[in-house]
Amino acid sequence: MRFATYTSAGTQYYGAVTDEGIIALSPDFSQWATLRNVVEANGFDALEKAAAGRQVTHNNGDFTYDIPIPNPEKIICVGVNFPARNAEYKDGQDAPANMSLFIRFARSFTGHDQSLIRPKASEQLDYEGEIAIVIGKGGRHIPQNQALDHIAALTMCNEGTLRDWVRHAKFNVTQGKNFDSSGAMGPWIVPLKDSSQIEDVALTTRVNGEARQSDRTGRMLFPIARQIAYISTFTTLVPGDIIVTGTPTGAGARFDPPIYLRPGDVVEIEGEGIGVLRNTVADET
């Protein structure tokens, strides 16, 4: 089952997604204000039971998708995590022994079917299709062989980047990764019930229907279990934290000349067994 956070008539809800729309469940669970609280309480089974046999309360077209987990404590992103992606840097260096990490803020993401915003400060808005995991069971020093047990759910991410702004200083990428609504997350979360849902699944990015990125999670330089183990070495992971796990080769900056996103473009990020995250592009007003 798929669960989403969404807004209808000015009120935010969460509920179970169907082909026809969404079954609002948040009114039935006052103890869990958001899906983050559901994750903290390991409440997906209760949501599934509550949704069984229910009619849609909000039809498609009567709501807008929000990012699935409101206000996560941490959004940690893994960079340069596919073999060909490392080669794109053309620096003659082998893949590093340890993963590259950076932080994003929740405000830098928008929901499914919303516009990615190309800011006034730059025309170099780029796409990066990724799978994101939602931490369900927190901890420090999590062993790699137990790490997948700490995942509550999966979602899709467009880790949009302003390429010129990731080089505004000597030693950081924070600015170029955190423009408001430059990325997207969603449309929903899919509870993780089996490791096969994540260990070797296809990841594809399309721009205006053209496939630009395609790879499988099984080819990651740093598998997701290792990501969790490594990150939990230096910070305590808590329920609702999100790890954005890395993008394949084929981002717009790597074309010659680069192909950046423009207003009117449509970007789709598809994860096998998870869903399709779709966004248009608009200029900041």
Protein backbone atom coordinates (compact mmCIF):
# COMPACT_ATOMS: atom_id res chain seq x y z
CA MET A 1 0.00 0.00 0.00
CA ARG A 2 1.09 3.59 -0.68
CA PHE A 3 0.69 6.47 1.77
CA ALA A 4 0.86 10.17 0.94
CA THR A 5 0.75 13.56 2.60
CA TYR A 6 -1.50 15.97 0.71
CA THR A 7 -3.49 19.18 1.00
CA SER A 8 -7.13 19.73 0.09
CA ALA A 9 -9.11 22.93 0.65
CA GLY A 10 -6.33 24.34 2.79
CA THR A 11 -6.09 21.36 5.16
CA GLN A 12 -3.22 18.90 5.20
CA TYR A 13 -3.99 15.19 5.50
CA TYR A 14 -2.29 11.85 5.07
CA GLY A 15 -3.92 8.79 3.65
CA ALA A 16 -3.82 5.68 1.47
CA VAL A 17 -3.37 6.23 -2.26
CA THR A 18 -5.57 4.46 -4.80
CA ASP A 19 -5.89 4.83 -8.56
CA GLU A 20 -8.96 7.04 -8.08
CA GLY A 21 -7.61 9.27 -5.32
CA ILE A 22 -6.77 9.11 -1.62
CA ILE A 23 -8.54 7.69 1.43
CA ALA A 24 -7.99 10.20 4.24
CA LEU A 25 -6.72 8.40 7.34
CA SER A 26 -5.31 11.23 9.47
CA PRO A 27 -8.76 12.15 10.88
CA ASP A 28 -8.95 8.62 12.36
CA PHE A 29 -5.54 8.79 14.06
CA SER A 30 -5.41 11.92 16.16
CA GLN A 31 -2.44 10.47 18.07
CA TRP A 32 -0.39 10.66 14.84
CA ALA A 33 -0.51 14.15 13.41
CA THR A 34 1.70 13.38 10.39
CA LEU A 35 3.24 10.47 8.53
CA ARG A 36 6.42 11.18 10.43
CA ASN A 37 4.52 10.30 13.62
CA VAL A 38 3.19 7.15 11.92
CA VAL A 39 6.77 6.14 11.12
CA GLU A 40 7.86 6.82 14.71
CA ALA A 41 5.06 4.58 16.00
CA ASN A 42 5.53 1.85 13.36
CA GLY A 43 1.90 2.42 12.50
CA PHE A 44 1.66 1.30 8.87
CA ASP A 45 -0.20 -1.92 9.71
CA ALA A 46 -2.84 0.11 11.54
CA LEU A 47 -3.21 2.41 8.53
CA GLU A 48 -3.60 -0.53 6.17
CA LYS A 49 -6.33 -2.04 8.32
CA ALA A 50 -8.11 1.30 8.59
CA ALA A 51 -8.04 1.77 4.80
CA ALA A 52 -9.41 -1.68 3.98
CA GLY A 53 -12.78 -1.48 2.25
CA ARG A 54 -12.99 2.31 2.54
CA GLN A 55 -14.09 4.65 -0.23
CA VAL A 56 -11.91 7.43 -1.60
CA THR A 57 -12.44 10.69 0.30
CA HIS A 58 -10.43 12.96 -2.03
CA ASN A 59 -10.64 12.28 -5.75
CA ASN A 60 -7.75 12.92 -8.11
CA GLY A 61 -7.75 16.60 -8.98
CA ASP A 62 -9.18 17.64 -5.61
CA PHE A 63 -5.86 17.77 -3.76
CA THR A 64 -2.17 18.56 -4.16
CA TYR A 65 0.67 16.31 -3.06
CA ASP A 66 3.09 17.52 -0.38
CA ILE A 67 6.46 15.94 0.42
CA PRO A 68 5.59 12.66 2.16
CA ILE A 69 7.37 13.19 5.50
CA PRO A 70 6.75 16.73 6.79
CA ASN A 71 9.66 18.39 8.61
CA PRO A 72 12.10 15.49 8.90
CA GLU A 73 14.89 16.15 11.37
CA LYS A 74 17.53 15.32 8.77
CA ILE A 75 17.74 14.92 5.01
CA ILE A 76 21.17 13.50 4.17
CA CYS A 77 22.18 13.03 0.53
CA VAL A 78 24.82 10.70 -0.87
CA GLY A 79 26.86 11.99 -3.82
CA VAL A 80 28.80 10.25 -6.60
CA ASN A 81 27.39 6.80 -5.88
CA PHE A 82 27.35 5.03 -9.26
CA PRO A 83 30.42 3.87 -11.22
CA ALA A 84 29.84 5.98 -14.33
CA ARG A 85 28.89 8.96 -12.16
CA ASN A 86 32.38 8.96 -10.65
CA ALA A 87 33.90 8.89 -14.15
CA GLU A 88 31.87 11.99 -15.11
CA TYR A 89 34.13 14.12 -12.95
CA LYS A 90 37.08 13.38 -15.28
CA ASP A 91 39.58 13.98 -12.49
CA GLY A 92 41.50 10.75 -13.02
CA GLN A 93 40.64 9.53 -9.54
CA ASP A 94 39.21 6.17 -8.62
CA ALA A 95 36.00 5.98 -6.63
CA PRO A 96 36.72 7.21 -3.08
CA ALA A 97 36.96 4.85 -0.14
CA ASN A 98 34.22 6.74 1.70
CA MET A 99 31.00 8.32 0.50
CA SER A 100 30.42 12.01 -0.11
CA LEU A 101 27.57 13.48 1.93
CA PHE A 102 25.67 16.75 2.15
CA ILE A 103 22.54 18.09 3.82
CA ARG A 104 19.32 19.39 2.31
CA PHE A 105 16.49 21.27 3.98
CA ALA A 106 12.86 20.19 3.67
CA ARG A 107 11.93 23.56 2.16
CA SER A 108 14.15 22.82 -0.83
CA PHE A 109 11.69 20.10 -1.93
CA THR A 110 8.21 20.32 -3.36
CA GLY A 111 5.62 17.59 -3.95
CA HIS A 112 4.58 15.43 -6.88
CA ASP A 113 2.98 17.27 -9.81
CA GLN A 114 4.19 20.62 -8.47
CA SER A 115 6.66 22.89 -10.26
CA LEU A 116 10.38 22.79 -9.67
CA ILE A 117 11.39 26.43 -9.36
CA ARG A 118 14.25 27.80 -11.43
CA PRO A 119 15.45 30.70 -9.25
CA LYS A 120 16.20 34.23 -10.31
CA ALA A 121 19.84 33.72 -9.33
CA SER A 122 20.66 31.00 -11.88
CA GLU A 123 19.52 29.29 -15.08
CA GLN A 124 21.51 26.14 -14.34
CA LEU A 125 18.76 24.07 -12.71
CA ASP A 126 19.59 20.39 -13.16
CA TYR A 127 17.82 17.11 -12.34
CA GLU A 128 19.11 14.15 -10.33
CA GLY A 129 16.83 11.14 -10.07
CA GLU A 130 17.24 9.14 -6.88
CA ILE A 131 15.58 6.69 -4.52
CA ALA A 132 15.19 7.93 -0.95
CA ILE A 133 14.75 5.86 2.18
CA VAL A 134 12.82 6.83 5.30
CA ILE A 135 14.38 5.70 8.56
CA GLY A 136 11.95 3.83 10.80
CA LYS A 137 14.14 2.60 13.63
CA GLY A 138 16.83 5.01 14.74
CA GLY A 139 20.21 4.40 16.30
CA ARG A 140 23.95 5.01 16.39
CA HIS A 141 26.66 2.66 15.14
CA ILE A 142 24.16 0.50 13.25
CA PRO A 143 25.85 -2.68 11.91
CA GLN A 144 25.70 -2.94 8.13
CA ASN A 145 24.21 -6.44 8.29
CA GLN A 146 21.28 -5.05 10.30
CA ALA A 147 20.92 -1.71 8.52
CA LEU A 148 18.04 -2.56 6.20
CA ASP A 149 15.94 -3.38 9.26
CA HIS A 150 16.08 0.33 10.11
CA ILE A 151 14.22 1.37 6.93
CA ALA A 152 10.53 2.14 7.25
CA ALA A 153 9.68 3.10 3.69
CA LEU A 154 10.86 4.18 0.25
CA THR A 155 10.06 7.19 -1.90
CA MET A 156 11.38 8.94 -5.01
CA CYS A 157 13.45 12.10 -5.16
CA ASN A 158 14.50 14.63 -7.77
CA GLU A 159 17.56 16.07 -6.06
CA GLY A 160 17.51 19.26 -8.16
CA THR A 161 20.74 21.22 -8.23
CA LEU A 162 21.84 24.70 -9.27
CA ARG A 163 25.15 23.79 -10.84
CA ASP A 164 26.92 27.14 -10.71
CA TRP A 165 25.93 27.58 -7.06
CA VAL A 166 27.60 24.35 -5.94
CA ARG A 167 30.90 26.05 -6.76
CA HIS A 168 30.30 29.39 -5.02
CA ALA A 169 32.89 28.61 -2.38
CA LYS A 170 36.00 26.49 -1.99
CA PHE A 171 34.63 23.59 -0.02
CA ASN A 172 30.87 23.13 -0.02
CA VAL A 173 27.81 22.44 -2.16
CA THR A 174 25.17 23.62 0.32
CA GLN A 175 23.99 26.68 -1.61
CA GLY A 176 23.40 24.88 -4.90
CA LYS A 177 21.51 22.08 -3.21
CA ASN A 178 19.06 24.13 -1.16
CA PHE A 179 17.23 26.69 -3.26
CA ASP A 180 13.55 26.67 -2.29
CA SER A 181 11.50 24.12 -4.30
CA SER A 182 14.46 23.25 -6.53
CA GLY A 183 13.89 19.55 -5.90
CA ALA A 184 10.95 17.23 -5.33
CA MET A 185 10.03 14.19 -3.27
CA GLY A 186 7.17 11.72 -3.46
CA PRO A 187 4.55 11.11 -4.64
CA TRP A 188 4.09 8.75 -1.70
CA ILE A 189 5.97 6.38 0.57
CA VAL A 190 5.91 2.61 0.15
CA PRO A 191 6.54 0.64 3.37
CA LEU A 192 9.57 -1.62 3.13
CA LYS A 193 8.54 -5.20 3.85
CA ASP A 194 11.32 -7.10 2.09
CA SER A 195 14.90 -6.23 1.18
CA SER A 196 14.21 -7.15 -2.46
CA GLN A 197 12.28 -3.88 -2.71
CA ILE A 198 15.55 -1.94 -2.56
CA GLU A 199 18.63 -4.12 -3.13
CA ASP A 200 18.57 -4.21 -6.96
CA VAL A 201 15.78 -2.11 -8.45
CA ALA A 202 15.71 -0.01 -11.61
CA LEU A 203 15.96 3.78 -11.42
CA THR A 204 15.12 5.93 -14.47
CA THR A 205 14.92 9.67 -15.14
CA ARG A 206 13.05 11.07 -18.14
CA VAL A 207 12.93 14.68 -19.34
CA ASN A 208 10.09 15.46 -21.72
CA GLY A 209 9.75 11.72 -22.30
CA GLU A 210 13.44 11.18 -23.15
CA ALA A 211 15.36 8.79 -20.91
CA ARG A 212 18.38 10.61 -19.48
CA GLN A 213 19.40 8.44 -16.51
CA SER A 214 19.07 4.69 -16.04
CA ASP A 215 20.76 2.32 -13.60
CA ARG A 216 20.05 -0.13 -10.80
CA THR A 217 20.57 0.15 -7.06
CA GLY A 218 22.59 -3.06 -7.12
CA ARG A 219 25.38 -1.15 -8.89
CA MET A 220 25.78 1.52 -6.22
CA LEU A 221 29.36 2.12 -5.09
CA PHE A 222 28.04 2.42 -1.53
CA PRO A 223 25.01 0.16 -1.03
CA ILE A 224 22.16 1.48 1.05
CA ALA A 225 22.98 -0.75 4.02
CA ARG A 226 26.49 0.69 4.06
CA GLN A 227 25.08 4.22 3.84
CA ILE A 228 23.03 3.69 6.98
CA ALA A 229 25.95 2.12 8.85
CA TYR A 230 28.36 4.88 7.83
CA ILE A 231 26.03 7.80 8.55
CA SER A 232 25.04 6.38 11.92
CA THR A 233 28.70 6.36 12.90
CA PHE A 234 28.72 10.14 13.33
CA THR A 235 25.05 11.08 13.88
CA THR A 236 22.08 9.50 15.58
CA LEU A 237 19.48 8.51 13.02
CA VAL A 238 15.90 9.03 14.18
CA PRO A 239 12.55 7.89 12.75
CA GLY A 240 11.51 10.06 9.85
CA ASP A 241 15.05 10.93 8.78
CA ILE A 242 15.56 10.66 5.03
CA ILE A 243 18.62 9.43 3.16
CA VAL A 244 18.73 10.29 -0.55
CA THR A 245 20.84 7.48 -1.90
CA GLY A 246 22.58 8.75 -5.06
CA THR A 247 21.95 9.48 -8.73
CA PRO A 248 23.16 7.65 -11.89
CA THR A 249 25.11 9.20 -14.72
CA GLY A 250 23.26 11.40 -17.21
CA ALA A 251 22.46 14.65 -15.41
CA GLY A 252 22.10 17.68 -17.67
CA ALA A 253 25.43 19.19 -16.66
CA ARG A 254 27.28 16.22 -18.15
CA PHE A 255 26.11 16.81 -21.73
CA ASP A 256 28.24 18.86 -24.13
CA PRO A 257 26.92 21.48 -24.14
CA PRO A 258 24.99 21.11 -20.84
CA ILE A 259 21.21 20.69 -21.04
CA TYR A 260 19.65 22.48 -18.09
CA LEU A 261 15.97 22.47 -17.20
CA ARG A 262 13.78 25.21 -18.64
CA PRO A 263 10.25 26.39 -17.83
CA GLY A 264 7.71 23.98 -19.31
CA ASP A 265 9.94 20.91 -19.07
CA VAL A 266 8.49 17.77 -17.49
CA VAL A 267 10.78 15.57 -15.37
CA GLU A 268 9.81 12.05 -14.32
CA ILE A 269 11.78 9.95 -11.82
CA GLU A 270 10.72 6.30 -11.73
CA GLY A 271 11.73 3.67 -9.22
CA GLU A 272 10.80 0.05 -9.91
CA GLY A 273 8.05 -0.99 -7.49
CA ILE A 274 7.92 2.48 -5.90
CA GLY A 275 6.31 4.82 -8.40
CA VAL A 276 6.84 7.84 -10.65
CA LEU A 277 7.61 11.31 -9.32
CA ARG A 278 6.60 13.90 -11.92
CA ASN A 279 7.25 17.66 -11.92
CA THR A 280 7.09 20.55 -14.31
CA VAL A 281 9.53 23.47 -14.28
CA ALA A 282 8.68 27.14 -13.72
CA ASP A 283 10.61 30.33 -13.16
CA GLU A 284 10.65 32.02 -9.77
CA THR A 285 8.20 34.92 -9.64
